[in-house]
């Protein structure tokens, strides 16, 4: 018997309205990294960067349309960092590695 794939033909509006996904690139990075944010919200984005000991290194507030042009991590030593991306009630943590 042939296998019939199950496909989802409808997407709920709550999934479209609530989209919030941040990606750091390149990761790992040598010099600096940038963030790509998928969101339907236009409010500014707050960033907080922590080292692995939990020490806050930097905070920024950036307009959504200018986020991808921001470079982050230029002065950081090699290591692993947690980037908290916050917009309204949405928060995501991204782990980045500087080589």
PDB file of N, CA and C in Angstrom:
ATOM      1  N   UNK A   1       0.833  -1.192   0.000  1.00  0.00           N
ATOM      2  CA  UNK A   1       0.000   0.000   0.000  1.00  0.00           C
ATOM      3  C   UNK A   1       0.867   1.242   0.000  1.00  0.00           C
ATOM      4  N   UNK A   2       0.452   2.246  -0.752  1.00  0.00           N
ATOM      5  CA  UNK A   2       1.226   3.492  -0.745  1.00  0.00           C
ATOM      6  C   UNK A   2       1.063   4.232   0.582  1.00  0.00           C
ATOM      7  N   UNK A   3       2.115   4.926   0.946  1.00  0.00           N
ATOM      8  CA  UNK A   3       2.077   5.726   2.175  1.00  0.00           C
ATOM      9  C   UNK A   3       1.609   7.126   1.813  1.00  0.00           C
ATOM     10  N   UNK A   4       0.586   7.592   2.498  1.00  0.00           N
ATOM     11  CA  UNK A   4       0.056   8.929   2.251  1.00  0.00           C
ATOM     12  C   UNK A   4       0.597   9.867   3.315  1.00  0.00           C
ATOM     13  N   UNK A   5       1.362  10.888   2.931  1.00  0.00           N
ATOM     14  CA  UNK A   5       1.886  11.820   3.936  1.00  0.00           C
ATOM     15  C   UNK A   5       0.761  12.659   4.534  1.00  0.00           C
ATOM     16  N   UNK A   6       0.911  12.957   5.803  1.00  0.00           N
ATOM     17  CA  UNK A   6      -0.048  13.825   6.476  1.00  0.00           C
ATOM     18  C   UNK A   6       0.494  15.245   6.373  1.00  0.00           C
ATOM     19  N   UNK A   7      -0.319  16.136   5.839  1.00  0.00           N
ATOM     20  CA  UNK A   7       0.120  17.522   5.702  1.00  0.00           C
ATOM     21  C   UNK A   7      -0.862  18.440   6.403  1.00  0.00           C
ATOM     22  N   UNK A   8      -0.367  19.540   6.866  1.00  0.00           N
ATOM     23  CA  UNK A   8      -1.213  20.536   7.517  1.00  0.00           C
ATOM     24  C   UNK A   8      -1.490  21.624   6.502  1.00  0.00           C
ATOM     25  N   UNK A   9      -2.748  21.789   6.167  1.00  0.00           N
ATOM     26  CA  UNK A   9      -3.092  22.743   5.117  1.00  0.00           C
ATOM     27  C   UNK A   9      -3.487  24.104   5.673  1.00  0.00           C
ATOM     28  N   UNK A  10      -3.799  24.168   6.949  1.00  0.00           N
ATOM     29  CA  UNK A  10      -4.182  25.461   7.521  1.00  0.00           C
ATOM     30  C   UNK A  10      -3.246  25.795   8.671  1.00  0.00           C
ATOM     31  N   UNK A  11      -2.947  27.049   8.794  1.00  0.00           N
ATOM     32  CA  UNK A  11      -2.103  27.527   9.885  1.00  0.00           C
ATOM     33  C   UNK A  11      -2.958  28.454  10.721  1.00  0.00           C
ATOM     34  N   UNK A  12      -2.988  28.202  12.008  1.00  0.00           N
ATOM     35  CA  UNK A  12      -3.787  29.051  12.900  1.00  0.00           C
ATOM     36  C   UNK A  12      -3.240  30.460  12.952  1.00  0.00           C
ATOM     37  N   UNK A  13      -4.120  31.433  13.089  1.00  0.00           N
ATOM     38  CA  UNK A  13      -3.679  32.834  13.133  1.00  0.00           C
ATOM     39  C   UNK A  13      -2.843  33.107  14.373  1.00  0.00           C
ATOM     40  N   UNK A  14      -3.045  32.334  15.444  1.00  0.00           N
ATOM     41  CA  UNK A  14      -2.240  32.567  16.645  1.00  0.00           C
ATOM     42  C   UNK A  14      -0.766  32.270  16.378  1.00  0.00           C
ATOM     43  N   UNK A  15      -0.473  31.325  15.489  1.00  0.00           N
ATOM     44  CA  UNK A  15       0.918  31.040  15.145  1.00  0.00           C
ATOM     45  C   UNK A  15       1.519  32.185  14.338  1.00  0.00           C
ATOM     46  N   UNK A  16       0.748  32.784  13.474  1.00  0.00           N
ATOM     47  CA  UNK A  16       1.259  33.883  12.668  1.00  0.00           C
ATOM     48  C   UNK A  16       1.439  35.146  13.503  1.00  0.00           C
ATOM     49  N   UNK A  17       0.486  35.416  14.372  1.00  0.00           N
ATOM     50  CA  UNK A  17       0.543  36.640  15.168  1.00  0.00           C
ATOM     51  C   UNK A  17       1.632  36.568  16.242  1.00  0.00           C
ATOM     52  N   UNK A  18       1.919  35.367  16.733  1.00  0.00           N
ATOM     53  CA  UNK A  18       2.842  35.242  17.841  1.00  0.00           C
ATOM     54  C   UNK A  18       4.244  34.840  17.450  1.00  0.00           C
ATOM     55  N   UNK A  19       4.613  35.011  16.176  1.00  0.00           N
ATOM     56  CA  UNK A  19       5.933  34.577  15.741  1.00  0.00           C
ATOM     57  C   UNK A  19       7.019  35.403  16.427  1.00  0.00           C
ATOM     58  N   UNK A  20       7.999  34.721  17.009  1.00  0.00           N
ATOM     59  CA  UNK A  20       9.141  35.382  17.645  1.00  0.00           C
ATOM     60  C   UNK A  20      10.282  34.379  17.645  1.00  0.00           C
ATOM     61  N   UNK A  21      11.273  34.617  16.797  1.00  0.00           N
ATOM     62  CA  UNK A  21      12.408  33.712  16.713  1.00  0.00           C
ATOM     63  C   UNK A  21      13.659  34.504  16.396  1.00  0.00           C
ATOM     64  N   UNK A  22      14.649  34.369  17.253  1.00  0.00           N
ATOM     65  CA  UNK A  22      15.928  35.051  17.065  1.00  0.00           C
ATOM     66  C   UNK A  22      17.012  34.017  16.759  1.00  0.00           C
ATOM     67  N   UNK A  23      17.889  34.371  15.817  1.00  0.00           N
ATOM     68  CA  UNK A  23      19.005  33.509  15.434  1.00  0.00           C
ATOM     69  C   UNK A  23      20.267  34.363  15.379  1.00  0.00           C
ATOM     70  N   UNK A  24      21.339  33.878  15.984  1.00  0.00           N
ATOM     71  CA  UNK A  24      22.631  34.564  15.936  1.00  0.00           C
ATOM     72  C   UNK A  24      23.458  33.979  14.794  1.00  0.00           C
ATOM     73  N   UNK A  25      24.120  34.862  14.071  1.00  0.00           N
ATOM     74  CA  UNK A  25      24.966  34.392  12.965  1.00  0.00           C
ATOM     75  C   UNK A  25      26.164  35.306  12.812  1.00  0.00           C
ATOM     76  N   UNK A  26      27.336  34.831  12.421  1.00  0.00           N
ATOM     77  CA  UNK A  26      27.667  33.404  12.422  1.00  0.00           C
ATOM     78  C   UNK A  26      27.809  32.909  13.855  1.00  0.00           C
ATOM     79  N   UNK A  27      27.634  31.647  14.059  1.00  0.00           N
ATOM     80  CA  UNK A  27      27.786  31.061  15.378  1.00  0.00           C
ATOM     81  C   UNK A  27      28.327  29.653  15.206  1.00  0.00           C
ATOM     82  N   UNK A  28      29.566  29.411  15.598  1.00  0.00           N
ATOM     83  CA  UNK A  28      30.474  30.283  16.344  1.00  0.00           C
ATOM     84  C   UNK A  28      31.000  31.443  15.500  1.00  0.00           C
ATOM     85  N   UNK A  29      31.468  32.497  16.188  1.00  0.00           N
ATOM     86  CA  UNK A  29      31.976  33.673  15.494  1.00  0.00           C
ATOM     87  C   UNK A  29      33.424  33.943  15.883  1.00  0.00           C
ATOM     88  N   UNK A  30      34.140  34.633  14.976  1.00  0.00           N
ATOM     89  CA  UNK A  30      35.535  34.991  15.246  1.00  0.00           C
ATOM     90  C   UNK A  30      35.666  36.407  15.768  1.00  0.00           C
ATOM     91  N   UNK A  31      34.954  37.360  15.138  1.00  0.00           N
ATOM     92  CA  UNK A  31      35.103  38.765  15.475  1.00  0.00           C
ATOM     93  C   UNK A  31      33.838  39.326  16.114  1.00  0.00           C
ATOM     94  N   UNK A  32      32.708  39.184  15.423  1.00  0.00           N
ATOM     95  CA  UNK A  32      31.436  39.685  15.939  1.00  0.00           C
ATOM     96  C   UNK A  32      30.308  38.862  15.334  1.00  0.00           C
ATOM     97  N   UNK A  33      29.111  39.031  15.907  1.00  0.00           N
ATOM     98  CA  UNK A  33      27.945  38.353  15.368  1.00  0.00           C
ATOM     99  C   UNK A  33      26.796  39.341  15.265  1.00  0.00           C
ATOM    100  N   UNK A  34      25.775  38.947  14.536  1.00  0.00           N
ATOM    101  CA  UNK A  34      24.563  39.756  14.390  1.00  0.00           C
ATOM    102  C   UNK A  34      23.371  38.870  14.711  1.00  0.00           C
ATOM    103  N   UNK A  35      22.213  39.484  14.852  1.00  0.00           N
ATOM    104  CA  UNK A  35      20.992  38.739  15.149  1.00  0.00           C
ATOM    105  C   UNK A  35      19.978  38.927  14.042  1.00  0.00           C
ATOM    106  N   UNK A  36      19.313  37.845  13.711  1.00  0.00           N
ATOM    107  CA  UNK A  36      18.187  37.889  12.784  1.00  0.00           C
ATOM    108  C   UNK A  36      16.954  37.580  13.616  1.00  0.00           C
ATOM    109  N   UNK A  37      15.972  38.475  13.578  1.00  0.00           N
ATOM    110  CA  UNK A  37      14.776  38.304  14.400  1.00  0.00           C
ATOM    111  C   UNK A  37      13.550  38.246  13.518  1.00  0.00           C
ATOM    112  N   UNK A  38      12.781  37.174  13.682  1.00  0.00           N
ATOM    113  CA  UNK A  38      11.493  37.047  13.011  1.00  0.00           C
ATOM    114  C   UNK A  38      10.431  37.427  14.037  1.00  0.00           C
ATOM    115  N   UNK A  39       9.731  38.522  13.780  1.00  0.00           N
ATOM    116  CA  UNK A  39       8.697  38.973  14.698  1.00  0.00           C
ATOM    117  C   UNK A  39       7.675  39.796  13.937  1.00  0.00           C
ATOM    118  N   UNK A  40       6.467  39.797  14.438  1.00  0.00           N
ATOM    119  CA  UNK A  40       5.414  40.641  13.866  1.00  0.00           C
ATOM    120  C   UNK A  40       5.242  41.913  14.680  1.00  0.00           C
ATOM    121  N   UNK A  41       6.030  42.059  15.730  1.00  0.00           N
ATOM    122  CA  UNK A  41       5.936  43.189  16.637  1.00  0.00           C
ATOM    123  C   UNK A  41       6.924  44.273  16.200  1.00  0.00           C
ATOM    124  N   UNK A  42       6.566  45.531  16.376  1.00  0.00           N
ATOM    125  CA  UNK A  42       7.453  46.630  15.975  1.00  0.00           C
ATOM    126  C   UNK A  42       8.077  47.346  17.171  1.00  0.00           C
ATOM    127  N   UNK A  43       7.797  46.893  18.386  1.00  0.00           N
ATOM    128  CA  UNK A  43       8.398  47.533  19.550  1.00  0.00           C
ATOM    129  C   UNK A  43       9.890  47.231  19.602  1.00  0.00           C
ATOM    130  N   UNK A  44      10.683  48.114  20.223  1.00  0.00           N
ATOM    131  CA  UNK A  44      12.137  47.886  20.289  1.00  0.00           C
ATOM    132  C   UNK A  44      12.485  46.569  20.984  1.00  0.00           C
ATOM    133  N   UNK A  45      13.659  46.064  20.650  1.00  0.00           N
ATOM    134  CA  UNK A  45      14.166  44.810  21.191  1.00  0.00           C
ATOM    135  C   UNK A  45      15.246  45.130  22.209  1.00  0.00           C
ATOM    136  N   UNK A  46      15.185  44.466  23.359  1.00  0.00           N
ATOM    137  CA  UNK A  46      16.224  44.614  24.379  1.00  0.00           C
ATOM    138  C   UNK A  46      17.137  43.407  24.331  1.00  0.00           C
ATOM    139  N   UNK A  47      18.433  43.660  24.364  1.00  0.00           N
ATOM    140  CA  UNK A  47      19.434  42.594  24.390  1.00  0.00           C
ATOM    141  C   UNK A  47      20.204  42.683  25.697  1.00  0.00           C
ATOM    142  N   UNK A  48      20.500  41.540  26.273  1.00  0.00           N
ATOM    143  CA  UNK A  48      21.383  41.464  27.437  1.00  0.00           C
ATOM    144  C   UNK A  48      22.336  40.314  27.179  1.00  0.00           C
ATOM    145  N   UNK A  49      23.640  40.582  27.252  1.00  0.00           N
ATOM    146  CA  UNK A  49      24.646  39.566  26.966  1.00  0.00           C
ATOM    147  C   UNK A  49      25.373  39.230  28.265  1.00  0.00           C
ATOM    148  N   UNK A  50      25.416  37.929  28.576  1.00  0.00           N
ATOM    149  CA  UNK A  50      26.045  37.439  29.799  1.00  0.00           C
ATOM    150  C   UNK A  50      27.159  36.467  29.449  1.00  0.00           C
ATOM    151  N   UNK A  51      28.231  36.468  30.280  1.00  0.00           N
ATOM    152  CA  UNK A  51      29.227  35.424  30.114  1.00  0.00           C
ATOM    153  C   UNK A  51      28.754  34.195  30.880  1.00  0.00           C
ATOM    154  N   UNK A  52      29.518  33.122  30.836  1.00  0.00           N
ATOM    155  CA  UNK A  52      29.054  31.872  31.436  1.00  0.00           C
ATOM    156  C   UNK A  52      29.095  31.878  32.961  1.00  0.00           C
ATOM    157  N   UNK A  53      29.692  32.891  33.561  1.00  0.00           N
ATOM    158  CA  UNK A  53      29.642  33.011  35.019  1.00  0.00           C
ATOM    159  C   UNK A  53      28.400  33.780  35.456  1.00  0.00           C
ATOM    160  N   UNK A  54      27.624  34.267  34.468  1.00  0.00           N
ATOM    161  CA  UNK A  54      26.408  35.012  34.788  1.00  0.00           C
ATOM    162  C   UNK A  54      26.622  36.512  34.891  1.00  0.00           C
ATOM    163  N   UNK A  55      27.820  36.962  34.568  1.00  0.00           N
ATOM    164  CA  UNK A  55      28.125  38.392  34.645  1.00  0.00           C
ATOM    165  C   UNK A  55      27.554  39.101  33.426  1.00  0.00           C
ATOM    166  N   UNK A  56      26.788  40.166  33.671  1.00  0.00           N
ATOM    167  CA  UNK A  56      26.217  40.963  32.587  1.00  0.00           C
ATOM    168  C   UNK A  56      27.323  41.772  31.928  1.00  0.00           C
ATOM    169  N   UNK A  57      27.507  41.582  30.616  1.00  0.00           N
ATOM    170  CA  UNK A  57      28.557  42.284  29.885  1.00  0.00           C
ATOM    171  C   UNK A  57      28.032  43.523  29.174  1.00  0.00           C
ATOM    172  N   UNK A  58      26.795  43.443  28.695  1.00  0.00           N
ATOM    173  CA  UNK A  58      26.305  44.516  27.833  1.00  0.00           C
ATOM    174  C   UNK A  58      24.781  44.445  27.749  1.00  0.00           C
ATOM    175  N   UNK A  59      24.160  45.613  27.654  1.00  0.00           N
ATOM    176  CA  UNK A  59      22.734  45.686  27.343  1.00  0.00           C
ATOM    177  C   UNK A  59      22.553  46.685  26.212  1.00  0.00           C
ATOM    178  N   UNK A  60      21.561  46.426  25.374  1.00  0.00           N
ATOM    179  CA  UNK A  60      21.240  47.326  24.266  1.00  0.00           C
ATOM    180  C   UNK A  60      19.735  47.330  24.059  1.00  0.00           C
ATOM    181  N   UNK A  61      19.221  48.446  23.597  1.00  0.00           N
ATOM    182  CA  UNK A  61      17.847  48.497  23.126  1.00  0.00           C
ATOM    183  C   UNK A  61      17.900  48.980  21.684  1.00  0.00           C
ATOM    184  N   UNK A  62      17.322  48.192  20.781  1.00  0.00           N
ATOM    185  CA  UNK A  62      17.473  48.426  19.344  1.00  0.00           C
ATOM    186  C   UNK A  62      16.113  48.367  18.672  1.00  0.00           C
ATOM    187  N   UNK A  63      15.904  49.249  17.704  1.00  0.00           N
ATOM    188  CA  UNK A  63      14.688  49.163  16.892  1.00  0.00           C
ATOM    189  C   UNK A  63      14.762  47.900  16.049  1.00  0.00           C
ATOM    190  N   UNK A  64      13.609  47.276  15.824  1.00  0.00           N
ATOM    191  CA  UNK A  64      13.558  46.008  15.089  1.00  0.00           C
ATOM    192  C   UNK A  64      14.201  46.128  13.715  1.00  0.00           C
ATOM    193  N   UNK A  65      13.921  47.211  12.995  1.00  0.00           N
ATOM    194  CA  UNK A  65      14.452  47.338  11.632  1.00  0.00           C
ATOM    195  C   UNK A  65      15.955  47.578  11.594  1.00  0.00           C
ATOM    196  N   UNK A  66      16.582  47.895  12.719  1.00  0.00           N
ATOM    197  CA  UNK A  66      18.026  48.115  12.746  1.00  0.00           C
ATOM    198  C   UNK A  66      18.799  46.988  13.388  1.00  0.00           C
ATOM    199  N   UNK A  67      18.093  45.944  13.796  1.00  0.00           N
ATOM    200  CA  UNK A  67      18.742  44.875  14.547  1.00  0.00           C
ATOM    201  C   UNK A  67      19.794  44.128  13.740  1.00  0.00           C
ATOM    202  N   UNK A  68      19.494  43.796  12.494  1.00  0.00           N
ATOM    203  CA  UNK A  68      20.431  42.987  11.703  1.00  0.00           C
ATOM    204  C   UNK A  68      21.701  43.745  11.340  1.00  0.00           C
ATOM    205  N   UNK A  69      21.680  45.079  11.443  1.00  0.00           N
ATOM    206  CA  UNK A  69      22.882  45.853  11.123  1.00  0.00           C
ATOM    207  C   UNK A  69      23.782  46.064  12.346  1.00  0.00           C
ATOM    208  N   UNK A  70      23.345  45.624  13.517  1.00  0.00           N
ATOM    209  CA  UNK A  70      24.138  45.749  14.736  1.00  0.00           C
ATOM    210  C   UNK A  70      25.154  44.616  14.820  1.00  0.00           C
ATOM    211  N   UNK A  71      26.398  44.953  15.130  1.00  0.00           N
ATOM    212  CA  UNK A  71      27.394  43.915  15.371  1.00  0.00           C
ATOM    213  C   UNK A  71      27.637  43.834  16.873  1.00  0.00           C
ATOM    214  N   UNK A  72      27.763  42.625  17.358  1.00  0.00           N
ATOM    215  CA  UNK A  72      27.865  42.376  18.797  1.00  0.00           C
ATOM    216  C   UNK A  72      29.064  41.474  19.044  1.00  0.00           C
ATOM    217  N   UNK A  73      29.765  41.703  20.135  1.00  0.00           N
ATOM    218  CA  UNK A  73      30.817  40.789  20.566  1.00  0.00           C
ATOM    219  C   UNK A  73      32.218  41.138  20.145  1.00  0.00           C
ATOM    220  N   UNK A  74      32.436  42.328  19.585  1.00  0.00           N
ATOM    221  CA  UNK A  74      33.766  42.683  19.075  1.00  0.00           C
ATOM    222  C   UNK A  74      34.852  42.605  20.143  1.00  0.00           C
ATOM    223  N   UNK A  75      34.573  43.087  21.333  1.00  0.00           N
ATOM    224  CA  UNK A  75      35.610  43.139  22.362  1.00  0.00           C
ATOM    225  C   UNK A  75      35.601  41.964  23.317  1.00  0.00           C
ATOM    226  N   UNK A  76      34.813  40.944  23.029  1.00  0.00           N
ATOM    227  CA  UNK A  76      34.705  39.814  23.947  1.00  0.00           C
ATOM    228  C   UNK A  76      35.877  38.859  23.774  1.00  0.00           C
ATOM    229  N   UNK A  77      36.374  38.296  24.880  1.00  0.00           N
ATOM    230  CA  UNK A  77      37.388  37.248  24.750  1.00  0.00           C
ATOM    231  C   UNK A  77      36.733  35.954  24.260  1.00  0.00           C
ATOM    232  N   UNK A  78      37.541  35.005  23.830  1.00  0.00           N
ATOM    233  CA  UNK A  78      37.006  33.711  23.401  1.00  0.00           C
ATOM    234  C   UNK A  78      36.221  33.083  24.539  1.00  0.00           C
ATOM    235  N   UNK A  79      35.086  32.486  24.194  1.00  0.00           N
ATOM    236  CA  UNK A  79      34.271  31.859  25.228  1.00  0.00           C
ATOM    237  C   UNK A  79      32.842  31.673  24.775  1.00  0.00           C
ATOM    238  N   UNK A  80      31.994  31.306  25.714  1.00  0.00           N
ATOM    239  CA  UNK A  80      30.587  31.048  25.456  1.00  0.00           C
ATOM    240  C   UNK A  80      29.765  32.135  26.144  1.00  0.00           C
ATOM    241  N   UNK A  81      28.752  32.633  25.450  1.00  0.00           N
ATOM    242  CA  UNK A  81      27.932  33.741  25.948  1.00  0.00           C
ATOM    243  C   UNK A  81      26.459  33.426  25.766  1.00  0.00           C
ATOM    244  N   UNK A  82      25.644  33.933  26.677  1.00  0.00           N
ATOM    245  CA  UNK A  82      24.197  33.842  26.557  1.00  0.00           C
ATOM    246  C   UNK A  82      23.657  35.211  26.187  1.00  0.00           C
ATOM    247  N   UNK A  83      22.852  35.249  25.137  1.00  0.00           N
ATOM    248  CA  UNK A  83      22.236  36.486  24.669  1.00  0.00           C
ATOM    249  C   UNK A  83      20.741  36.373  24.939  1.00  0.00           C
ATOM    250  N   UNK A  84      20.211  37.259  25.787  1.00  0.00           N
ATOM    251  CA  UNK A  84      18.780  37.301  26.051  1.00  0.00           C
ATOM    252  C   UNK A  84      18.165  38.340  25.137  1.00  0.00           C
ATOM    253  N   UNK A  85      17.236  37.898  24.300  1.00  0.00           N
ATOM    254  CA  UNK A  85      16.540  38.770  23.358  1.00  0.00           C
ATOM    255  C   UNK A  85      15.124  38.920  23.895  1.00  0.00           C
ATOM    256  N   UNK A  86      14.715  40.164  24.161  1.00  0.00           N
ATOM    257  CA  UNK A  86      13.414  40.407  24.766  1.00  0.00           C
ATOM    258  C   UNK A  86      12.657  41.455  23.962  1.00  0.00           C
ATOM    259  N   UNK A  87      11.402  41.150  23.665  1.00  0.00           N
ATOM    260  CA  UNK A  87      10.528  42.104  22.984  1.00  0.00           C
ATOM    261  C   UNK A  87       9.130  41.926  23.561  1.00  0.00           C
ATOM    262  N   UNK A  88       8.701  42.911  24.333  1.00  0.00           N
ATOM    263  CA  UNK A  88       7.396  42.804  24.970  1.00  0.00           C
ATOM    264  C   UNK A  88       7.370  41.612  25.913  1.00  0.00           C
ATOM    265  N   UNK A  89       6.428  40.705  25.684  1.00  0.00           N
ATOM    266  CA  UNK A  89       6.317  39.519  26.530  1.00  0.00           C
ATOM    267  C   UNK A  89       7.100  38.332  25.975  1.00  0.00           C
ATOM    268  N   UNK A  90       7.784  38.519  24.857  1.00  0.00           N
ATOM    269  CA  UNK A  90       8.567  37.440  24.237  1.00  0.00           C
ATOM    270  C   UNK A  90      10.020  37.525  24.663  1.00  0.00           C
ATOM    271  N   UNK A  91      10.572  36.394  25.057  1.00  0.00           N
ATOM    272  CA  UNK A  91      11.981  36.317  25.436  1.00  0.00           C
ATOM    273  C   UNK A  91      12.573  35.042  24.863  1.00  0.00           C
ATOM    274  N   UNK A  92      13.793  35.166  24.357  1.00  0.00           N
ATOM    275  CA  UNK A  92      14.512  33.991  23.867  1.00  0.00           C
ATOM    276  C   UNK A  92      15.966  34.120  24.286  1.00  0.00           C
ATOM    277  N   UNK A  93      16.568  33.007  24.668  1.00  0.00           N
ATOM    278  CA  UNK A  93      17.986  32.972  25.011  1.00  0.00           C
ATOM    279  C   UNK A  93      18.734  32.225  23.920  1.00  0.00           C
ATOM    280  N   UNK A  94      19.809  32.821  23.453  1.00  0.00           N
ATOM    281  CA  UNK A  94      20.655  32.218  22.418  1.00  0.00           C
ATOM    282  C   UNK A  94      22.048  32.067  22.994  1.00  0.00           C
ATOM    283  N   UNK A  95      22.634  30.905  22.819  1.00  0.00           N
ATOM    284  CA  UNK A  95      24.014  30.682  23.252  1.00  0.00           C
ATOM    285  C   UNK A  95      24.920  30.863  22.047  1.00  0.00           C
ATOM    286  N   UNK A  96      25.919  31.727  22.172  1.00  0.00           N
ATOM    287  CA  UNK A  96      26.873  31.964  21.093  1.00  0.00           C
ATOM    288  C   UNK A  96      28.286  31.637  21.589  1.00  0.00           C
ATOM    289  N   UNK A  97      29.140  31.283  20.642  1.00  0.00           N
ATOM    290  CA  UNK A  97      30.513  30.905  20.961  1.00  0.00           C
ATOM    291  C   UNK A  97      31.464  31.786  20.180  1.00  0.00           C
ATOM    292  N   UNK A  98      32.404  32.430  20.912  1.00  0.00           N
ATOM    293  CA  UNK A  98      33.466  33.191  20.228  1.00  0.00           C
ATOM    294  C   UNK A  98      34.711  32.324  20.231  1.00  0.00           C
ATOM    295  N   UNK A  99      35.255  32.103  19.026  1.00  0.00           N
ATOM    296  CA  UNK A  99      36.432  31.248  18.880  1.00  0.00           C
ATOM    297  C   UNK A  99      37.702  32.007  19.213  1.00  0.00           C
TER     298      UNK A  99
END
